[in-house]
Amino acid sequence: MMGKIADGEARDRLILWMRRRMEEFGITLEALSASIEHDKAHSPRYRDARGHEWNGLGDMPDWLVAANNAGVSPDFFRIETAQDALIPLEKQATTTRSIDSRQLDLFDTA
């Protein structure tokens, strides 16, 4: 195990590094906690293939504006909610949203 860091030591180093970065940028534990709670209360509603997310609040992000300007409906990026999961797939297309079939080839990698 020479040259390797044990899991416990790696964890301790990571915590020390995070504390130093928080101090460097003036981030308090209270601010971090409030940010986490805000994120929990406002889960993302849209996500693209690169992992960009938007919760629908505030201005539409650049990645979604660009897709919209290219003719791709924002609904194409909508994340399925727990309520959507309860609706049978055959009814989802008619009750929740419709996807323009012309958009599907934009993301075909074959």
C-alpha atoms as a PDB file:
ATOM      1  CA  MET A   1       0.000   0.000   0.000  1.00  0.00           C
ATOM      2  CA  MET A   2       3.040   2.207  -0.323  1.00  0.00           C
ATOM      3  CA  GLY A   3       2.255   5.505  -2.035  1.00  0.00           C
ATOM      4  CA  LYS A   4      -1.517   5.128  -1.650  1.00  0.00           C
ATOM      5  CA  ILE A   5      -3.738   7.200   0.606  1.00  0.00           C
ATOM      6  CA  ALA A   6      -6.064   5.347   2.969  1.00  0.00           C
ATOM      7  CA  ASP A   7      -9.784   6.164   2.672  1.00  0.00           C
ATOM      8  CA  GLY A   8      -9.904   7.824   6.088  1.00  0.00           C
ATOM      9  CA  GLU A   9      -6.891   9.992   5.318  1.00  0.00           C
ATOM     10  CA  ALA A  10      -8.310  10.967   1.925  1.00  0.00           C
ATOM     11  CA  ARG A  11     -11.567  11.989   3.611  1.00  0.00           C
ATOM     12  CA  ASP A  12      -9.722  14.078   6.193  1.00  0.00           C
ATOM     13  CA  ARG A  13      -7.693  15.800   3.475  1.00  0.00           C
ATOM     14  CA  LEU A  14     -10.833  16.545   1.475  1.00  0.00           C
ATOM     15  CA  ILE A  15     -12.572  18.065   4.502  1.00  0.00           C
ATOM     16  CA  LEU A  16      -9.526  20.229   5.253  1.00  0.00           C
ATOM     17  CA  TRP A  17      -9.363  21.367   1.616  1.00  0.00           C
ATOM     18  CA  MET A  18     -13.084  22.214   1.590  1.00  0.00           C
ATOM     19  CA  ARG A  19     -12.812  24.188   4.842  1.00  0.00           C
ATOM     20  CA  ARG A  20      -9.909  26.199   3.446  1.00  0.00           C
ATOM     21  CA  ARG A  21     -11.803  26.968   0.200  1.00  0.00           C
ATOM     22  CA  MET A  22     -14.888  27.990   2.167  1.00  0.00           C
ATOM     23  CA  GLU A  23     -12.771  30.325   4.291  1.00  0.00           C
ATOM     24  CA  GLU A  24     -10.998  31.669   1.200  1.00  0.00           C
ATOM     25  CA  PHE A  25     -14.305  32.556  -0.498  1.00  0.00           C
ATOM     26  CA  GLY A  26     -16.147  33.631   2.658  1.00  0.00           C
ATOM     27  CA  ILE A  27     -18.690  30.805   2.584  1.00  0.00           C
ATOM     28  CA  THR A  28     -20.274  30.080   5.962  1.00  0.00           C
ATOM     29  CA  LEU A  29     -21.857  26.811   7.027  1.00  0.00           C
ATOM     30  CA  GLU A  30     -25.164  28.672   7.343  1.00  0.00           C
ATOM     31  CA  ALA A  31     -24.945  29.925   3.738  1.00  0.00           C
ATOM     32  CA  LEU A  32     -24.012  26.450   2.518  1.00  0.00           C
ATOM     33  CA  SER A  33     -26.923  24.909   4.420  1.00  0.00           C
ATOM     34  CA  ALA A  34     -29.357  27.531   3.077  1.00  0.00           C
ATOM     35  CA  SER A  35     -28.147  26.867  -0.480  1.00  0.00           C
ATOM     36  CA  ILE A  36     -28.654  23.114  -0.077  1.00  0.00           C
ATOM     37  CA  GLU A  37     -32.164  23.645   1.310  1.00  0.00           C
ATOM     38  CA  HIS A  38     -32.996  25.986  -1.604  1.00  0.00           C
ATOM     39  CA  ASP A  39     -31.814  23.380  -4.099  1.00  0.00           C
ATOM     40  CA  LYS A  40     -33.925  20.704  -2.405  1.00  0.00           C
ATOM     41  CA  ALA A  41     -37.014  22.925  -2.529  1.00  0.00           C
ATOM     42  CA  HIS A  42     -36.445  23.891  -6.184  1.00  0.00           C
ATOM     43  CA  SER A  43     -35.459  20.703  -7.974  1.00  0.00           C
ATOM     44  CA  PRO A  44     -34.490  20.958 -11.646  1.00  0.00           C
ATOM     45  CA  ARG A  45     -37.248  20.752 -14.251  1.00  0.00           C
ATOM     46  CA  TYR A  46     -35.061  20.745 -17.365  1.00  0.00           C
ATOM     47  CA  ARG A  47     -31.796  18.928 -18.155  1.00  0.00           C
ATOM     48  CA  ASP A  48     -29.733  18.568 -21.315  1.00  0.00           C
ATOM     49  CA  ALA A  49     -27.414  15.758 -22.365  1.00  0.00           C
ATOM     50  CA  ARG A  50     -24.410  17.557 -20.868  1.00  0.00           C
ATOM     51  CA  GLY A  51     -25.981  17.744 -17.430  1.00  0.00           C
ATOM     52  CA  HIS A  52     -26.951  21.428 -17.478  1.00  0.00           C
ATOM     53  CA  GLU A  53     -30.037  21.933 -15.345  1.00  0.00           C
ATOM     54  CA  TRP A  54     -32.634  24.634 -14.774  1.00  0.00           C
ATOM     55  CA  ASN A  55     -35.412  24.707 -12.191  1.00  0.00           C
ATOM     56  CA  GLY A  56     -37.658  27.022 -14.208  1.00  0.00           C
ATOM     57  CA  LEU A  57     -37.055  30.030 -11.961  1.00  0.00           C
ATOM     58  CA  GLY A  58     -35.497  33.233 -13.220  1.00  0.00           C
ATOM     59  CA  ASP A  59     -34.174  33.829 -16.702  1.00  0.00           C
ATOM     60  CA  MET A  60     -33.897  30.876 -19.064  1.00  0.00           C
ATOM     61  CA  PRO A  61     -30.235  29.740 -19.160  1.00  0.00           C
ATOM     62  CA  ASP A  62     -28.124  30.208 -22.281  1.00  0.00           C
ATOM     63  CA  TRP A  63     -28.095  26.494 -23.180  1.00  0.00           C
ATOM     64  CA  LEU A  64     -31.897  26.398 -23.219  1.00  0.00           C
ATOM     65  CA  VAL A  65     -32.205  29.721 -25.054  1.00  0.00           C
ATOM     66  CA  ALA A  66     -29.827  28.409 -27.744  1.00  0.00           C
ATOM     67  CA  ALA A  67     -31.839  25.201 -28.109  1.00  0.00           C
ATOM     68  CA  ASN A  68     -35.090  27.173 -28.281  1.00  0.00           C
ATOM     69  CA  ASN A  69     -33.612  29.511 -30.930  1.00  0.00           C
ATOM     70  CA  ALA A  70     -32.588  26.421 -32.915  1.00  0.00           C
ATOM     71  CA  GLY A  71     -36.210  25.292 -32.925  1.00  0.00           C
ATOM     72  CA  VAL A  72     -36.020  22.725 -30.121  1.00  0.00           C
ATOM     73  CA  SER A  73     -38.916  23.046 -27.715  1.00  0.00           C
ATOM     74  CA  PRO A  74     -37.916  23.451 -24.049  1.00  0.00           C
ATOM     75  CA  ASP A  75     -40.350  20.606 -23.291  1.00  0.00           C
ATOM     76  CA  PHE A  76     -37.883  18.299 -25.031  1.00  0.00           C
ATOM     77  CA  PHE A  77     -35.570  18.812 -22.030  1.00  0.00           C
ATOM     78  CA  ARG A  78     -38.245  18.485 -19.323  1.00  0.00           C
ATOM     79  CA  ILE A  79     -37.355  16.016 -16.585  1.00  0.00           C
ATOM     80  CA  GLU A  80     -39.976  13.442 -15.708  1.00  0.00           C
ATOM     81  CA  THR A  81     -41.448  14.128 -12.283  1.00  0.00           C
ATOM     82  CA  ALA A  82     -42.724  11.558  -9.807  1.00  0.00           C
ATOM     83  CA  GLN A  83     -46.254  12.458 -10.883  1.00  0.00           C
ATOM     84  CA  ASP A  84     -45.353  11.825 -14.555  1.00  0.00           C
ATOM     85  CA  ALA A  85     -44.077   8.381 -13.581  1.00  0.00           C
ATOM     86  CA  LEU A  86     -47.529   7.451 -12.305  1.00  0.00           C
ATOM     87  CA  ILE A  87     -49.142   8.162 -15.704  1.00  0.00           C
ATOM     88  CA  PRO A  88     -48.924   5.255 -18.188  1.00  0.00           C
ATOM     89  CA  LEU A  89     -46.488   5.966 -21.040  1.00  0.00           C
ATOM     90  CA  GLU A  90     -49.151   5.813 -23.734  1.00  0.00           C
ATOM     91  CA  LYS A  91     -51.085   8.589 -21.973  1.00  0.00           C
ATOM     92  CA  GLN A  92     -48.037  10.747 -21.167  1.00  0.00           C
ATOM     93  CA  ALA A  93     -47.558  11.773 -24.767  1.00  0.00           C
ATOM     94  CA  THR A  94     -51.098  13.100 -24.961  1.00  0.00           C
ATOM     95  CA  THR A  95     -51.544  14.495 -21.456  1.00  0.00           C
ATOM     96  CA  THR A  96     -48.191  16.000 -20.443  1.00  0.00           C
ATOM     97  CA  ARG A  97     -46.236  17.120 -23.489  1.00  0.00           C
ATOM     98  CA  SER A  98     -45.624  16.429 -27.102  1.00  0.00           C
ATOM     99  CA  ILE A  99     -42.243  16.081 -28.767  1.00  0.00           C
ATOM    100  CA  ASP A 100     -41.826  17.159 -32.331  1.00  0.00           C
ATOM    101  CA  SER A 101     -40.386  14.133 -34.142  1.00  0.00           C
ATOM    102  CA  ARG A 102     -38.192  16.480 -36.204  1.00  0.00           C
ATOM    103  CA  GLN A 103     -36.254  17.215 -33.007  1.00  0.00           C
ATOM    104  CA  LEU A 104     -35.297  13.620 -32.340  1.00  0.00           C
ATOM    105  CA  ASP A 105     -32.650  13.453 -35.065  1.00  0.00           C
ATOM    106  CA  LEU A 106     -30.801  16.389 -33.455  1.00  0.00           C
ATOM    107  CA  PHE A 107     -29.547  14.079 -30.738  1.00  0.00           C
ATOM    108  CA  ASP A 108     -29.078  10.889 -32.736  1.00  0.00           C
ATOM    109  CA  THR A 109     -25.436   9.830 -32.405  1.00  0.00           C
ATOM    110  CA  ALA A 110     -25.615   6.801 -34.715  1.00  0.00           C
END
